[in-house]
Amino acid sequence: MTSNAMATEADVTCPVCQGTPKEPSIVIPCRHQFCLGCIMRWAKRSLF
C-alpha cells in the first residue's frame, strides 16, 4: 500500500465514538469521517 492510498472502510474510525461510522459524514477539507449521530450531537452541543 502506498502512502497516498485511500483508507479502506475498515481503516476508518469515528473520532468521537471510536467506532466504524455506519452513515459516514465527511468533513471537508480534512476528510475526517464521523458517525452521522456523533457529528450531529457534537454540532448541537457546540452551538451553545
PDB file of N, CA and C in Angstrom:
ATOM      1  N   MET A   1       0.848  -1.180   0.000  1.00  0.00           N
ATOM      2  CA  MET A   1       0.000   0.000   0.000  1.00  0.00           C
ATOM      3  C   MET A   1       0.889   1.236   0.000  1.00  0.00           C
ATOM      4  N   THR A   2       0.583   2.170  -0.852  1.00  0.00           N
ATOM      5  CA  THR A   2       1.371   3.394  -0.914  1.00  0.00           C
ATOM      6  C   THR A   2       0.890   4.383   0.131  1.00  0.00           C
ATOM      7  N   SER A   3       1.715   5.348   0.427  1.00  0.00           N
ATOM      8  CA  SER A   3       1.377   6.323   1.465  1.00  0.00           C
ATOM      9  C   SER A   3       0.194   7.200   1.079  1.00  0.00           C
ATOM     10  N   ASN A   4      -0.069   7.360  -0.215  1.00  0.00           N
ATOM     11  CA  ASN A   4      -1.184   8.205  -0.630  1.00  0.00           C
ATOM     12  C   ASN A   4      -2.421   7.399  -1.012  1.00  0.00           C
ATOM     13  N   ALA A   5      -2.451   6.117  -0.684  1.00  0.00           N
ATOM     14  CA  ALA A   5      -3.619   5.286  -0.983  1.00  0.00           C
ATOM     15  C   ALA A   5      -4.778   5.679  -0.078  1.00  0.00           C
ATOM     16  N   MET A   6      -5.988   5.555  -0.616  1.00  0.00           N
ATOM     17  CA  MET A   6      -7.181   5.864   0.169  1.00  0.00           C
ATOM     18  C   MET A   6      -7.351   4.825   1.265  1.00  0.00           C
ATOM     19  N   ALA A   7      -7.831   5.253   2.421  1.00  0.00           N
ATOM     20  CA  ALA A   7      -8.090   4.333   3.527  1.00  0.00           C
ATOM     21  C   ALA A   7      -9.279   3.452   3.170  1.00  0.00           C
ATOM     22  N   THR A   8      -9.192   2.200   3.546  1.00  0.00           N
ATOM     23  CA  THR A   8     -10.324   1.312   3.318  1.00  0.00           C
ATOM     24  C   THR A   8     -11.363   1.556   4.393  1.00  0.00           C
ATOM     25  N   GLU A   9     -12.568   1.069   4.159  1.00  0.00           N
ATOM     26  CA  GLU A   9     -13.653   1.255   5.123  1.00  0.00           C
ATOM     27  C   GLU A   9     -13.268   0.719   6.496  1.00  0.00           C
ATOM     28  N   ALA A  10     -12.520  -0.383   6.547  1.00  0.00           N
ATOM     29  CA  ALA A  10     -12.110  -0.983   7.818  1.00  0.00           C
ATOM     30  C   ALA A  10     -11.122  -0.090   8.570  1.00  0.00           C
ATOM     31  N   ASP A  11     -10.418   0.794   7.861  1.00  0.00           N
ATOM     32  CA  ASP A  11      -9.432   1.677   8.482  1.00  0.00           C
ATOM     33  C   ASP A  11     -10.052   2.943   9.071  1.00  0.00           C
ATOM     34  N   VAL A  12     -11.308   3.219   8.748  1.00  0.00           N
ATOM     35  CA  VAL A  12     -11.949   4.464   9.158  1.00  0.00           C
ATOM     36  C   VAL A  12     -12.620   4.292  10.514  1.00  0.00           C
ATOM     37  N   THR A  13     -12.304   5.198  11.450  1.00  0.00           N
ATOM     38  CA  THR A  13     -12.980   5.197  12.746  1.00  0.00           C
ATOM     39  C   THR A  13     -13.482   6.601  13.041  1.00  0.00           C
ATOM     40  N   CYS A  14     -14.605   6.670  13.708  1.00  0.00           N
ATOM     41  CA  CYS A  14     -15.176   7.947  14.128  1.00  0.00           C
ATOM     42  C   CYS A  14     -14.335   8.480  15.283  1.00  0.00           C
ATOM     43  N   PRO A  15     -13.810   9.700  15.185  1.00  0.00           N
ATOM     44  CA  PRO A  15     -13.008  10.264  16.269  1.00  0.00           C
ATOM     45  C   PRO A  15     -13.794  10.482  17.563  1.00  0.00           C
ATOM     46  N   VAL A  16     -15.112  10.509  17.487  1.00  0.00           N
ATOM     47  CA  VAL A  16     -15.937  10.748  18.669  1.00  0.00           C
ATOM     48  C   VAL A  16     -16.158   9.455  19.448  1.00  0.00           C
ATOM     49  N   CYS A  17     -16.701   8.421  18.776  1.00  0.00           N
ATOM     50  CA  CYS A  17     -17.045   7.176  19.480  1.00  0.00           C
ATOM     51  C   CYS A  17     -16.015   6.067  19.272  1.00  0.00           C
ATOM     52  N   GLN A  18     -15.051   6.293  18.390  1.00  0.00           N
ATOM     53  CA  GLN A  18     -14.005   5.320  18.064  1.00  0.00           C
ATOM     54  C   GLN A  18     -14.546   4.071  17.372  1.00  0.00           C
ATOM     55  N   GLY A  19     -15.773   4.135  16.870  1.00  0.00           N
ATOM     56  CA  GLY A  19     -16.367   3.014  16.143  1.00  0.00           C
ATOM     57  C   GLY A  19     -16.270   3.244  14.645  1.00  0.00           C
ATOM     58  N   THR A  20     -16.693   2.257  13.874  1.00  0.00           N
ATOM     59  CA  THR A  20     -16.748   2.391  12.428  1.00  0.00           C
ATOM     60  C   THR A  20     -18.020   3.147  12.073  1.00  0.00           C
ATOM     61  N   PRO A  21     -17.908   4.272  11.364  1.00  0.00           N
ATOM     62  CA  PRO A  21     -19.101   5.044  11.024  1.00  0.00           C
ATOM     63  C   PRO A  21     -20.095   4.223  10.205  1.00  0.00           C
ATOM     64  N   LYS A  22     -21.355   4.199  10.661  1.00  0.00           N
ATOM     65  CA  LYS A  22     -22.403   3.470   9.953  1.00  0.00           C
ATOM     66  C   LYS A  22     -22.923   4.301   8.780  1.00  0.00           C
ATOM     67  N   GLU A  23     -23.171   5.568   9.030  1.00  0.00           N
ATOM     68  CA  GLU A  23     -23.599   6.510   7.999  1.00  0.00           C
ATOM     69  C   GLU A  23     -22.582   7.651   8.019  1.00  0.00           C
ATOM     70  N   PRO A  24     -21.440   7.462   7.358  1.00  0.00           N
ATOM     71  CA  PRO A  24     -20.370   8.445   7.475  1.00  0.00           C
ATOM     72  C   PRO A  24     -20.754   9.825   6.948  1.00  0.00           C
ATOM     73  N   SER A  25     -20.273  10.816   7.638  1.00  0.00           N
ATOM     74  CA  SER A  25     -20.421  12.201   7.237  1.00  0.00           C
ATOM     75  C   SER A  25     -19.003  12.751   7.117  1.00  0.00           C
ATOM     76  N   ILE A  26     -18.596  13.152   5.935  1.00  0.00           N
ATOM     77  CA  ILE A  26     -17.219  13.595   5.710  1.00  0.00           C
ATOM     78  C   ILE A  26     -17.122  15.099   5.918  1.00  0.00           C
ATOM     79  N   VAL A  27     -16.119  15.516   6.689  1.00  0.00           N
ATOM     80  CA  VAL A  27     -15.859  16.931   6.919  1.00  0.00           C
ATOM     81  C   VAL A  27     -14.725  17.338   5.985  1.00  0.00           C
ATOM     82  N   ILE A  28     -14.986  18.295   5.133  1.00  0.00           N
ATOM     83  CA  ILE A  28     -14.019  18.770   4.156  1.00  0.00           C
ATOM     84  C   ILE A  28     -13.336  20.016   4.728  1.00  0.00           C
ATOM     85  N   PRO A  29     -12.090  20.326   4.573  1.00  0.00           N
ATOM     86  CA  PRO A  29     -11.101  19.674   3.749  1.00  0.00           C
ATOM     87  C   PRO A  29     -10.299  18.582   4.458  1.00  0.00           C
ATOM     88  N   CYS A  30     -10.470  18.399   5.748  1.00  0.00           N
ATOM     89  CA  CYS A  30      -9.632  17.433   6.465  1.00  0.00           C
ATOM     90  C   CYS A  30     -10.019  15.986   6.180  1.00  0.00           C
ATOM     91  N   ARG A  31     -11.218  15.747   5.703  1.00  0.00           N
ATOM     92  CA  ARG A  31     -11.727  14.439   5.292  1.00  0.00           C
ATOM     93  C   ARG A  31     -11.856  13.441   6.440  1.00  0.00           C
ATOM     94  N   HIS A  32     -11.935  13.918   7.690  1.00  0.00           N
ATOM     95  CA  HIS A  32     -12.265  13.031   8.798  1.00  0.00           C
ATOM     96  C   HIS A  32     -13.682  12.524   8.584  1.00  0.00           C
ATOM     97  N   GLN A  33     -13.960  11.300   8.996  1.00  0.00           N
ATOM     98  CA  GLN A  33     -15.300  10.739   8.880  1.00  0.00           C
ATOM     99  C   GLN A  33     -15.868  10.484  10.266  1.00  0.00           C
ATOM    100  N   PHE A  34     -17.109  10.858  10.460  1.00  0.00           N
ATOM    101  CA  PHE A  34     -17.800  10.720  11.734  1.00  0.00           C
ATOM    102  C   PHE A  34     -19.088   9.948  11.523  1.00  0.00           C
ATOM    103  N   CYS A  35     -19.567   9.271  12.573  1.00  0.00           N
ATOM    104  CA  CYS A  35     -20.921   8.724  12.541  1.00  0.00           C
ATOM    105  C   CYS A  35     -21.857   9.925  12.420  1.00  0.00           C
ATOM    106  N   LEU A  36     -22.895   9.792  11.652  1.00  0.00           N
ATOM    107  CA  LEU A  36     -23.823  10.897  11.488  1.00  0.00           C
ATOM    108  C   LEU A  36     -24.386  11.339  12.840  1.00  0.00           C
ATOM    109  N   GLY A  37     -24.766  10.387  13.686  1.00  0.00           N
ATOM    110  CA  GLY A  37     -25.295  10.714  15.012  1.00  0.00           C
ATOM    111  C   GLY A  37     -24.277  11.448  15.870  1.00  0.00           C
ATOM    112  N   CYS A  38     -23.023  11.016  15.832  1.00  0.00           N
ATOM    113  CA  CYS A  38     -21.963  11.658  16.626  1.00  0.00           C
ATOM    114  C   CYS A  38     -21.750  13.103  16.200  1.00  0.00           C
ATOM    115  N   ILE A  39     -21.657  13.351  14.914  1.00  0.00           N
ATOM    116  CA  ILE A  39     -21.373  14.710  14.449  1.00  0.00           C
ATOM    117  C   ILE A  39     -22.572  15.618  14.678  1.00  0.00           C
ATOM    118  N   MET A  40     -23.792  15.055  14.590  1.00  0.00           N
ATOM    119  CA  MET A  40     -24.993  15.851  14.857  1.00  0.00           C
ATOM    120  C   MET A  40     -25.056  16.242  16.335  1.00  0.00           C
ATOM    121  N   ARG A  41     -24.753  15.298  17.241  1.00  0.00           N
ATOM    122  CA  ARG A  41     -24.735  15.611  18.680  1.00  0.00           C
ATOM    123  C   ARG A  41     -23.649  16.643  18.985  1.00  0.00           C
ATOM    124  N   TRP A  42     -22.476  16.486  18.382  1.00  0.00           N
ATOM    125  CA  TRP A  42     -21.382  17.430  18.601  1.00  0.00           C
ATOM    126  C   TRP A  42     -21.784  18.829  18.127  1.00  0.00           C
ATOM    127  N   ALA A  43     -22.369  18.910  16.929  1.00  0.00           N
ATOM    128  CA  ALA A  43     -22.764  20.207  16.379  1.00  0.00           C
ATOM    129  C   ALA A  43     -23.826  20.865  17.253  1.00  0.00           C
ATOM    130  N   LYS A  44     -24.762  20.083  17.737  1.00  0.00           N
ATOM    131  CA  LYS A  44     -25.825  20.627  18.586  1.00  0.00           C
ATOM    132  C   LYS A  44     -25.244  21.196  19.882  1.00  0.00           C
ATOM    133  N   ARG A  45     -24.299  20.480  20.488  1.00  0.00           N
ATOM    134  CA  ARG A  45     -23.670  20.954  21.725  1.00  0.00           C
ATOM    135  C   ARG A  45     -22.769  22.152  21.469  1.00  0.00           C
ATOM    136  N   SER A  46     -22.146  22.220  20.306  1.00  0.00           N
ATOM    137  CA  SER A  46     -21.195  23.289  20.000  1.00  0.00           C
ATOM    138  C   SER A  46     -21.872  24.619  19.697  1.00  0.00           C
ATOM    139  N   LEU A  47     -23.159  24.601  19.428  1.00  0.00           N
ATOM    140  CA  LEU A  47     -23.870  25.839  19.120  1.00  0.00           C
ATOM    141  C   LEU A  47     -24.111  26.686  20.359  1.00  0.00           C
ATOM    142  N   PHE A  48     -24.036  26.089  21.528  1.00  0.00           N
ATOM    143  CA  PHE A  48     -24.354  26.817  22.765  1.00  0.00           C
ATOM    144  C   PHE A  48     -23.173  26.941  23.665  1.00  0.00           C
TER     145      PHE A  48
END
